[in-house]
Protein backbone atom coordinates (compact mmCIF):
# COMPACT_ATOMS: atom_id res chain seq x y z
CA UNK A 1 0.00 0.00 0.00
CA UNK A 2 1.01 3.64 -0.33
CA UNK A 3 0.58 6.66 -2.61
CA UNK A 4 1.93 6.65 -6.18
CA UNK A 5 5.51 7.78 -6.25
CA UNK A 6 6.18 6.83 -2.62
CA UNK A 7 7.60 3.62 -1.22
CA UNK A 8 5.07 0.92 -0.22
CA UNK A 9 3.96 0.81 3.38
CA UNK A 10 3.84 -3.00 3.31
CA UNK A 11 5.43 -5.64 1.13
CA UNK A 12 4.38 -9.30 0.77
CA UNK A 13 7.06 -11.58 -0.63
CA UNK A 14 6.61 -15.32 -1.20
CA UNK A 15 8.41 -17.80 -3.40
CA UNK A 16 6.21 -19.53 -6.03
CA UNK A 17 3.36 -17.06 -5.46
CA UNK A 18 1.13 -17.52 -8.53
CA UNK A 19 -2.03 -15.51 -7.75
CA UNK A 20 -3.68 -13.37 -5.10
CA UNK A 21 -7.02 -11.74 -4.32
CA UNK A 22 -7.93 -8.71 -2.19
CA UNK A 23 -11.12 -8.92 -0.14
CA UNK A 24 -14.00 -6.49 -0.77
CA UNK A 25 -15.94 -4.67 1.92
CA UNK A 26 -14.81 -2.20 4.60
CA UNK A 27 -11.48 -2.38 6.47
CA UNK A 28 -9.69 -4.36 7.75
CA UNK A 29 -8.77 -5.71 4.33
CA UNK A 30 -7.58 -9.26 3.80
CA UNK A 31 -5.36 -10.82 1.16
CA UNK A 32 -5.51 -14.42 -0.10
CA UNK A 33 -2.45 -15.77 -1.94
CA UNK A 34 -1.83 -19.05 -3.75
CA UNK A 35 1.62 -20.56 -3.38
CA UNK A 36 2.26 -23.34 -5.89
CA UNK A 37 3.87 -26.45 -4.49
CA UNK A 38 7.20 -27.84 -5.52
CA UNK A 39 8.23 -31.47 -5.88
CA UNK A 40 7.36 -33.21 -2.63
CA UNK A 41 5.75 -30.07 -1.13
CA UNK A 42 2.01 -29.25 -1.41
CA UNK A 43 0.45 -26.06 -2.74
CA UNK A 44 -1.21 -23.77 -0.23
CA UNK A 45 -3.54 -20.78 0.14
CA UNK A 46 -2.70 -18.31 2.90
CA UNK A 47 -4.72 -15.39 4.31
CA UNK A 48 -3.22 -12.14 5.60
CA UNK A 49 -4.76 -9.14 7.34
CA UNK A 50 -3.49 -5.84 5.93
CA UNK A 51 -1.17 -4.11 6.77
CA UNK A 52 0.57 -6.99 8.56
CA UNK A 53 1.69 -9.17 5.68
CA UNK A 54 5.09 -10.37 6.87
CA UNK A 55 6.81 -11.69 9.95
CA UNK A 56 5.81 -14.24 12.55
CA UNK A 57 2.06 -14.61 13.00
CA UNK A 58 1.19 -12.70 9.81
CA UNK A 59 -0.61 -15.72 8.31
CA UNK A 60 -4.11 -15.83 9.87
CA UNK A 61 -5.33 -18.89 7.92
CA UNK A 62 -3.64 -21.56 5.85
CA UNK A 63 -4.79 -24.55 3.81
CA UNK A 64 -2.55 -27.04 1.96
CA UNK A 65 -3.48 -28.96 -1.20
CA UNK A 66 -1.61 -31.79 -2.90
CA UNK A 67 -3.84 -31.54 -5.97
CA UNK A 68 -3.82 -27.91 -7.02
CA UNK A 69 -2.08 -26.82 -10.21
CA UNK A 70 -4.33 -23.74 -10.37
CA UNK A 71 -6.79 -22.12 -7.97
CA UNK A 72 -9.65 -19.63 -8.18
CA UNK A 73 -10.28 -17.35 -5.20
CA UNK A 74 -13.77 -15.95 -4.55
CA UNK A 75 -14.45 -13.68 -1.55
CA UNK A 76 -17.88 -13.14 -0.08
CA UNK A 77 -19.27 -9.59 -0.06
CA UNK A 78 -18.36 -9.07 3.61
CA UNK A 79 -14.72 -9.94 2.98
CA UNK A 80 -14.51 -12.40 5.88
CA UNK A 81 -14.49 -15.67 3.94
CA UNK A 82 -13.08 -16.98 0.66
CA UNK A 83 -13.89 -20.00 -1.50
CA UNK A 84 -10.92 -21.81 -3.04
CA UNK A 85 -11.56 -23.88 -6.18
CA UNK A 86 -8.55 -26.10 -6.87
CA UNK A 87 -7.91 -27.75 -10.25
CA UNK A 88 -5.31 -30.20 -11.50
CA UNK A 89 -4.27 -30.08 -15.13
CA UNK A 90 -4.75 -33.84 -15.56
CA UNK A 91 -7.14 -36.25 -13.91
CA UNK A 92 -4.90 -39.27 -13.31
CA UNK A 93 -7.97 -41.48 -12.87
CA UNK A 94 -9.11 -40.59 -16.40
CA UNK A 95 -12.63 -39.78 -15.20
CA UNK A 96 -12.68 -36.17 -16.40
CA UNK A 97 -11.21 -34.19 -19.29
CA UNK A 98 -11.08 -31.11 -17.03
CA UNK A 99 -8.78 -32.61 -14.43
CA UNK A 100 -9.67 -33.07 -10.78
CA UNK A 101 -11.42 -30.27 -8.91
CA UNK A 102 -12.22 -29.61 -5.27
CA UNK A 103 -13.81 -26.71 -3.37
CA UNK A 104 -12.75 -25.38 0.05
CA UNK A 105 -13.84 -22.56 2.37
CA UNK A 106 -11.42 -20.46 4.43
CA UNK A 107 -12.43 -17.92 7.08
CA UNK A 108 -10.37 -14.96 8.30
CA UNK A 109 -10.91 -16.43 11.79
CA UNK A 110 -8.58 -19.26 10.80
CA UNK A 111 -11.06 -22.09 10.36
CA UNK A 112 -12.06 -23.76 7.13
CA UNK A 113 -13.69 -26.82 5.58
CA UNK A 114 -13.89 -28.79 2.38
CA UNK A 115 -17.22 -28.34 0.58
CA UNK A 116 -18.81 -31.79 0.17
CA UNK A 117 -19.81 -32.19 -3.49
CA UNK A 118 -21.79 -35.41 -3.73
CA UNK A 119 -21.83 -35.69 -7.54
CA UNK A 120 -18.66 -36.52 -9.45
CA UNK A 121 -17.54 -34.26 -12.25
CA UNK A 122 -16.39 -30.69 -12.92
CA UNK A 123 -17.43 -27.58 -11.01
CA UNK A 124 -19.06 -25.25 -13.53
CA UNK A 125 -19.93 -22.29 -11.32
CA UNK A 126 -19.46 -21.00 -7.77
CA UNK A 127 -21.39 -17.89 -6.74
CA UNK A 128 -21.72 -16.06 -3.39
CA UNK A 129 -25.02 -14.52 -2.33
CA UNK A 130 -24.62 -10.71 -2.07
CA UNK A 131 -26.82 -10.52 1.03
CA UNK A 132 -26.17 -13.72 3.00
CA UNK A 133 -23.15 -15.80 3.92
CA UNK A 134 -24.37 -18.49 1.50
CA UNK A 135 -23.11 -19.68 -1.86
CA UNK A 136 -24.43 -21.71 -4.78
CA UNK A 137 -22.43 -24.39 -6.61
CA UNK A 138 -23.25 -26.02 -9.97
CA UNK A 139 -21.29 -29.25 -10.33
CA UNK A 140 -21.14 -32.83 -11.59
CA UNK A 141 -21.26 -34.53 -14.96
CA UNK A 142 -24.26 -33.56 -17.09
CA UNK A 143 -27.03 -33.41 -16.12
CA UNK A 144 -25.41 -31.37 -13.36
CA UNK A 145 -26.53 -30.60 -9.82
CA UNK A 146 -27.06 -27.19 -8.18
CA UNK A 147 -27.05 -26.73 -4.41
CA UNK A 148 -26.96 -23.96 -1.79
CA UNK A 149 -24.40 -24.10 1.06
CA UNK A 150 -23.79 -22.04 4.21
CA UNK A 151 -20.43 -20.88 5.60
CA UNK A 152 -20.14 -24.14 7.55
CA UNK A 153 -20.17 -25.94 4.18
CA UNK A 154 -23.47 -27.62 4.99
CA UNK A 155 -25.85 -28.14 2.09
CA UNK A 156 -28.99 -26.22 3.01
CA UNK A 157 -30.96 -26.67 -0.23
CA UNK A 158 -30.80 -28.92 -3.30
CA UNK A 159 -32.10 -27.35 -6.53
CA UNK A 160 -32.17 -30.73 -8.27
CA UNK A 161 -30.42 -32.24 -11.26
CA UNK A 162 -30.77 -30.93 -14.80
CA UNK A 163 -28.64 -29.38 -17.57
CA UNK A 164 -27.14 -26.24 -15.99
CA UNK A 165 -23.74 -24.55 -15.88
CA UNK A 166 -24.53 -21.03 -14.60
CA UNK A 167 -25.74 -19.49 -11.32
CA UNK A 168 -26.20 -15.73 -10.84
CA UNK A 169 -27.75 -13.92 -7.83
CA UNK A 170 -29.50 -10.61 -8.32
CA UNK A 171 -27.76 -7.66 -6.57
CA UNK A 172 -30.19 -7.83 -3.64
CA UNK A 173 -29.51 -11.55 -3.15
CA UNK A 174 -33.13 -12.71 -2.92
CA UNK A 175 -33.52 -14.13 -6.47
CA UNK A 176 -31.22 -16.67 -8.11
CA UNK A 177 -31.01 -17.39 -11.83
CA UNK A 178 -29.91 -20.94 -12.69
CA UNK A 179 -29.27 -21.59 -16.39
CA UNK A 180 -27.55 -23.71 -18.99
CA UNK A 181 -25.78 -21.57 -21.60
CA UNK A 182 -23.00 -22.12 -24.13
CA UNK A 183 -23.39 -25.64 -25.52
CA UNK A 184 -26.61 -26.16 -23.56
CA UNK A 185 -30.12 -25.17 -24.65
CA UNK A 186 -30.40 -21.92 -22.72
CA UNK A 187 -33.02 -23.00 -20.18
CA UNK A 188 -33.35 -20.54 -17.26
CA UNK A 189 -34.92 -20.90 -13.81
CA UNK A 190 -35.62 -18.04 -11.40
CA UNK A 191 -35.71 -19.00 -7.70
CA UNK A 192 -37.04 -17.21 -4.64
CA UNK A 193 -34.13 -17.84 -2.27
CA UNK A 194 -35.93 -16.96 0.97
CA UNK A 195 -38.90 -19.24 0.27
CA UNK A 196 -36.89 -21.86 -1.65
CA UNK A 197 -39.40 -21.76 -4.49
CA UNK A 198 -39.06 -21.71 -8.28
CA UNK A 199 -40.70 -18.52 -9.56
CA UNK A 200 -40.56 -19.13 -13.31
CA UNK A 201 -38.81 -20.79 -16.21
CA UNK A 202 -37.78 -19.45 -19.62
CA UNK A 203 -35.49 -20.27 -22.51
CA UNK A 204 -32.82 -18.03 -24.05
CA UNK A 205 -31.40 -20.23 -26.80
CA UNK A 206 -27.81 -19.73 -28.02
CA UNK A 207 -27.02 -17.30 -25.18
CA UNK A 208 -23.38 -16.86 -24.26
CA UNK A 209 -23.70 -14.34 -21.40
CA UNK A 210 -26.18 -13.23 -18.72
CA UNK A 211 -26.33 -10.30 -16.31
CA UNK A 212 -28.70 -8.84 -13.71
CA UNK A 213 -29.87 -5.25 -13.89
CA UNK A 214 -29.03 -3.25 -10.72
CA UNK A 215 -32.77 -3.15 -9.92
CA UNK A 216 -32.69 -6.92 -9.29
CA UNK A 217 -35.78 -7.36 -11.46
CA UNK A 218 -34.51 -7.57 -15.03
CA UNK A 219 -31.97 -9.85 -16.69
CA UNK A 220 -30.17 -9.46 -19.99
CA UNK A 221 -29.06 -12.47 -22.03
CA UNK A 222 -26.95 -12.09 -25.14
CA UNK A 223 -25.47 -14.03 -28.02
CA UNK A 224 -22.03 -12.56 -28.63
CA UNK A 225 -18.91 -12.99 -30.73
CA UNK A 226 -16.45 -14.60 -30.86
CA UNK A 227 -18.28 -17.52 -29.23
CA UNK A 228 -21.03 -17.26 -31.88
CA UNK A 229 -20.77 -15.06 -34.95
CA UNK A 230 -24.29 -15.69 -36.30
CA UNK A 231 -27.55 -14.61 -34.72
CA UNK A 232 -25.96 -12.03 -32.41
CA UNK A 233 -28.25 -9.88 -30.26
CA UNK A 234 -29.63 -9.48 -26.74
CA UNK A 235 -32.87 -10.01 -24.86
CA UNK A 236 -34.22 -8.39 -21.68
CA UNK A 237 -36.30 -10.54 -19.35
CA UNK A 238 -38.36 -10.05 -16.21
CA UNK A 239 -37.66 -12.55 -13.42
CA UNK A 240 -41.21 -13.86 -13.92
CA UNK A 241 -39.92 -15.35 -17.19
CA UNK A 242 -41.50 -12.72 -19.45
CA UNK A 243 -39.50 -11.49 -22.45
CA UNK A 244 -39.73 -7.68 -22.50
CA UNK A 245 -37.39 -6.66 -25.31
CA UNK A 246 -35.32 -8.22 -28.06
CA UNK A 247 -32.64 -6.60 -30.19
CA UNK A 248 -31.16 -8.45 -33.19
CA UNK A 249 -27.78 -7.40 -34.55
CA UNK A 250 -27.96 -6.61 -38.29
CA UNK A 251 -26.48 -9.19 -40.71
CA UNK A 252 -22.69 -9.12 -41.20
CA UNK A 253 -22.33 -7.25 -37.88
CA UNK A 254 -21.17 -8.76 -34.57
CA UNK A 255 -22.05 -8.09 -30.94
CA UNK A 256 -19.11 -8.42 -28.56
CA UNK A 257 -20.61 -7.51 -25.19
CA UNK A 258 -23.59 -6.21 -23.22
CA UNK A 259 -23.33 -4.51 -19.81
CA UNK A 260 -25.80 -2.72 -17.53
CA UNK A 261 -24.93 0.82 -16.53
CA UNK A 262 -23.63 0.68 -12.93
CA UNK A 263 -25.41 2.56 -10.15
CA UNK A 264 -24.59 3.01 -6.44
CA UNK A 265 -25.58 0.12 -4.18
CA UNK A 266 -28.96 0.31 -2.46
CA UNK A 267 -30.30 2.59 -5.18
CA UNK A 268 -33.18 0.17 -5.75
CA UNK A 269 -35.42 -1.51 -3.17
CA UNK A 270 -35.47 -5.27 -2.66
CA UNK A 271 -37.82 -6.72 -5.31
CA UNK A 272 -40.81 -8.81 -4.31
CA UNK A 273 -40.54 -12.28 -5.92
CA UNK A 274 -44.29 -12.74 -5.38
CA UNK A 275 -45.23 -9.43 -7.00
CA UNK A 276 -48.02 -8.95 -9.58
CA UNK A 277 -47.64 -10.63 -12.99
CA UNK A 278 -45.99 -8.73 -15.83
CA UNK A 279 -47.30 -8.71 -19.40
CA UNK A 280 -44.93 -8.73 -22.35
CA UNK A 281 -45.13 -6.03 -25.03
CA UNK A 282 -43.89 -8.73 -27.42
CA UNK A 283 -46.73 -11.12 -26.60
CA UNK A 284 -48.97 -10.12 -29.51
CA UNK A 285 -46.09 -10.30 -31.93
CA UNK A 286 -44.93 -13.70 -30.82
CA UNK A 287 -48.42 -15.25 -30.70
CA UNK A 288 -50.09 -13.80 -33.79
CA UNK A 289 -47.30 -13.23 -36.28
CA UNK A 290 -44.75 -15.85 -35.41
CA UNK A 291 -42.91 -16.65 -38.65
CA UNK A 292 -43.06 -20.18 -39.97
CA UNK A 293 -39.80 -22.14 -40.00
CA UNK A 294 -38.01 -21.65 -43.31
CA UNK A 295 -35.84 -24.10 -45.21
CA UNK A 296 -32.11 -23.62 -44.73
CA UNK A 297 -30.47 -21.42 -47.37
CA UNK A 298 -26.65 -21.30 -47.64
CA UNK A 299 -25.24 -17.84 -46.76
CA UNK A 300 -23.86 -17.42 -50.28
CA UNK A 301 -27.36 -17.76 -51.77
CA UNK A 302 -29.27 -15.64 -49.22
CA UNK A 303 -31.05 -12.63 -50.70
CA UNK A 304 -31.18 -14.22 -54.16
CA UNK A 305 -34.29 -15.57 -55.88
CA UNK A 306 -34.54 -19.29 -55.33
CA UNK A 307 -36.73 -21.61 -57.42
CA UNK A 308 -39.50 -23.22 -55.42
CA UNK A 309 -39.88 -26.95 -55.12
CA UNK A 310 -43.04 -26.81 -57.27
CA UNK A 311 -41.16 -24.94 -60.01
CA UNK A 312 -38.33 -27.46 -59.97
CA UNK A 313 -40.74 -30.37 -60.05
CA UNK A 314 -42.87 -28.87 -62.85
CA UNK A 315 -39.75 -28.01 -64.86
CA UNK A 316 -38.57 -31.59 -64.59
CA UNK A 317 -41.97 -32.92 -65.62
CA UNK A 318 -42.15 -30.59 -68.67
CA UNK A 319 -38.67 -31.60 -69.78
CA UNK A 320 -39.53 -35.29 -69.40
CA UNK A 321 -42.82 -34.90 -71.30
CA UNK A 322 -41.14 -33.01 -74.14
CA UNK A 323 -38.53 -35.73 -74.60
CA UNK A 324 -41.28 -38.33 -74.66
CA UNK A 325 -43.30 -36.41 -77.31
CA UNK A 326 -40.20 -35.93 -79.47
CA UNK A 327 -39.41 -39.62 -79.34
CA UNK A 328 -43.00 -40.53 -80.29
CA UNK A 329 -42.89 -38.06 -83.16
CA UNK A 330 -39.71 -39.59 -84.56
CA UNK A 331 -41.21 -43.08 -84.29
CA UNK A 332 -44.31 -42.01 -86.21
CA UNK A 333 -42.24 -40.35 -88.92
CA UNK A 334 -40.04 -43.39 -89.34
CA UNK A 335 -43.08 -45.70 -89.45
CA UNK A 336 -44.79 -43.46 -92.00
CA UNK A 337 -41.72 -43.50 -94.20
CA UNK A 338 -41.59 -47.31 -94.26
CA UNK A 339 -45.32 -47.71 -94.97
CA UNK A 340 -45.51 -45.21 -97.85
CA UNK A 341 -42.21 -46.36 -99.43
CA UNK A 342 -42.08 -42.89 -100.97
CA UNK A 343 -39.83 -41.20 -98.48
CA UNK A 344 -37.33 -38.88 -100.05
CA UNK A 345 -33.78 -38.12 -99.06
CA UNK A 346 -34.85 -34.73 -97.74
CA UNK A 347 -37.28 -36.38 -95.29
CA UNK A 348 -34.49 -38.62 -94.01
CA UNK A 349 -32.27 -35.62 -93.56
CA UNK A 350 -35.02 -33.78 -91.71
CA UNK A 351 -35.56 -36.78 -89.43
CA UNK A 352 -31.85 -36.97 -88.74
CA UNK A 353 -31.71 -33.24 -87.97
CA UNK A 354 -34.65 -33.56 -85.57
CA UNK A 355 -33.05 -36.53 -83.87
CA UNK A 356 -29.78 -34.59 -83.55
CA UNK A 357 -31.62 -31.54 -82.15
CA UNK A 358 -33.44 -33.73 -79.64
CA UNK A 359 -30.20 -35.36 -78.49
CA UNK A 360 -28.58 -31.93 -78.08
CA UNK A 361 -31.57 -30.75 -76.07
CA UNK A 362 -31.38 -33.75 -73.73
CA UNK A 363 -27.63 -33.38 -73.27
CA UNK A 364 -27.99 -29.68 -72.56
CA UNK A 365 -30.72 -30.35 -70.00
CA UNK A 366 -28.55 -32.91 -68.22
CA UNK A 367 -25.62 -30.47 -68.23
CA UNK A 368 -27.83 -27.74 -66.71
CA UNK A 369 -29.06 -30.19 -64.09
CA UNK A 370 -25.49 -31.02 -63.09
CA UNK A 371 -24.46 -27.36 -62.98
CA UNK A 372 -27.48 -26.42 -60.82
CA UNK A 373 -26.28 -28.73 -58.04
CA UNK A 374 -23.89 -26.04 -56.81
CA UNK A 375 -20.27 -25.15 -57.43
CA UNK A 376 -17.12 -26.16 -55.69
CA UNK A 377 -17.60 -23.34 -53.17
CA UNK A 378 -20.92 -24.71 -51.92
CA UNK A 379 -19.48 -28.23 -51.68
CA UNK A 380 -16.58 -26.87 -49.61
CA UNK A 381 -18.96 -24.93 -47.33
CA UNK A 382 -21.04 -28.06 -46.80
CA UNK A 383 -17.93 -30.03 -45.78
CA UNK A 384 -16.79 -27.26 -43.41
CA UNK A 385 -20.19 -27.01 -41.72
CA UNK A 386 -20.20 -30.77 -41.23
CA UNK A 387 -16.79 -30.55 -39.53
CA UNK A 388 -18.06 -27.68 -37.35
CA UNK A 389 -21.03 -29.81 -36.26
CA UNK A 390 -18.64 -32.65 -35.35
CA UNK A 391 -16.57 -30.23 -33.25
CA UNK A 392 -19.69 -29.09 -31.36
CA UNK A 393 -20.48 -32.76 -30.64
CA UNK A 394 -16.95 -33.29 -29.27
CA UNK A 395 -17.32 -30.20 -27.04
CA UNK A 396 -20.51 -31.61 -25.58
CA UNK A 397 -18.74 -34.90 -24.91
CA UNK A 398 -16.00 -32.97 -23.09
CA UNK A 399 -18.58 -31.28 -20.89
CA UNK A 400 -20.10 -34.67 -20.07
CA UNK A 401 -16.65 -35.88 -18.97
CA UNK A 402 -15.79 -38.16 -21.86
CA UNK A 403 -12.07 -38.51 -22.54
CA UNK A 404 -11.27 -37.66 -26.16
CA UNK A 405 -8.73 -39.36 -28.39
CA UNK A 406 -5.65 -37.47 -29.58
CA UNK A 407 -7.08 -36.99 -33.08
CA UNK A 408 -10.33 -35.65 -31.59
CA UNK A 409 -8.42 -33.10 -29.51
CA UNK A 410 -6.58 -32.01 -32.67
CA UNK A 411 -9.93 -31.60 -34.42
CA UNK A 412 -11.08 -29.19 -31.66
CA UNK A 413 -8.05 -26.99 -32.36
CA UNK A 414 -9.23 -26.60 -35.96
CA UNK A 415 -12.44 -24.78 -35.00
CA UNK A 416 -11.07 -21.25 -35.42
CA UNK A 417 -9.46 -21.98 -38.80
CA UNK A 418 -12.71 -23.58 -40.02
CA UNK A 419 -14.73 -20.54 -38.92
CA UNK A 420 -12.28 -18.23 -40.71
CA UNK A 421 -12.47 -20.26 -43.91
CA UNK A 422 -16.29 -20.23 -43.83
CA UNK A 423 -16.29 -16.46 -43.32
CA UNK A 424 -13.83 -16.00 -46.20
CA UNK A 425 -15.91 -18.15 -48.57
CA UNK A 426 -19.09 -16.28 -47.66
CA UNK A 427 -17.44 -12.86 -48.10
CA UNK A 428 -16.01 -13.80 -51.52
CA UNK A 429 -19.45 -14.75 -52.83
């Protein structure tokens, strides 16, 4: 600490210190540091109370870990307790692609416990309540489990098992949003924390981010780049599950982030989870003029006039009928020539010319049919999209804890180059 340009009032020095976190809240401030272990020595997380950060007795809490290549430190809003999420780079048991994970709680009073997670698998999200000394954890192989714990690391409520990977409290701490975003379907649940009751459910498909408004009533979900480069935009929801507003990013543009404007704390009152119902201004639009699902059109052909299925079918039938009539006409002419025995050389030449014209017509029609199947660019785009779909399947398998083969891991690394090639092909159209 100290003013810029002056020497620090305190200095914390530790070998192998890899990360640290300063507690929020009013003084006294606390500092959590992660010290990575060396061969034969465990890693550890130590807590200090500022300004005493060195000398005998400076460490007020300490926890050692033999399985901790990296750690995440999350303080509660009061700054008197921190959650430590430890992760190993490799799961030696082979049960998880993400490595082994464990969650611990450390208090500035010096005590601490391991959080008992009763479902095997990765920890997707850890979130403190802003108002209480409670935290929510989403963990376990899919379908995952969500649970609420107190500072003694006792599970005080089980939200059940379903496909989730996100937990976000509103700023007032009385409503919790549980959701499954990213590779999941975007299902959201809003919970009344005090009454332990589910208020509503909604779905924000393809969302990559979520955030509470400072009023604790509204939520914004968004589809952003670079995670997704198509269908970018954001939606504003009420915690009752009602969609209030939707904004779609224009084609060929990308949305990179959405943030609420910050306001001082306690600007808004605590919302009532059991308040009156809210109607959506989009309700009439979504119920009366909902567009019908359209057939997929490749990006290179969008905005261009496409022949309908009926036109294609009728065109094929006309072409087939014409060939049949021409063949019948030739047969009649040949038969007539044999019966009359008075056919001249000019008639033979005419018949030959008609036969040649018919053959040219058929060959030309077949050539047009082959050319209408799409060029090399469309074939390449189709192959690239197929590879992209395979990569998404491999990502889902990773989330579910399946161990991938070496060639599958290499395929995941190709995602960015595939996306760039697709974009280049579409731009060059």
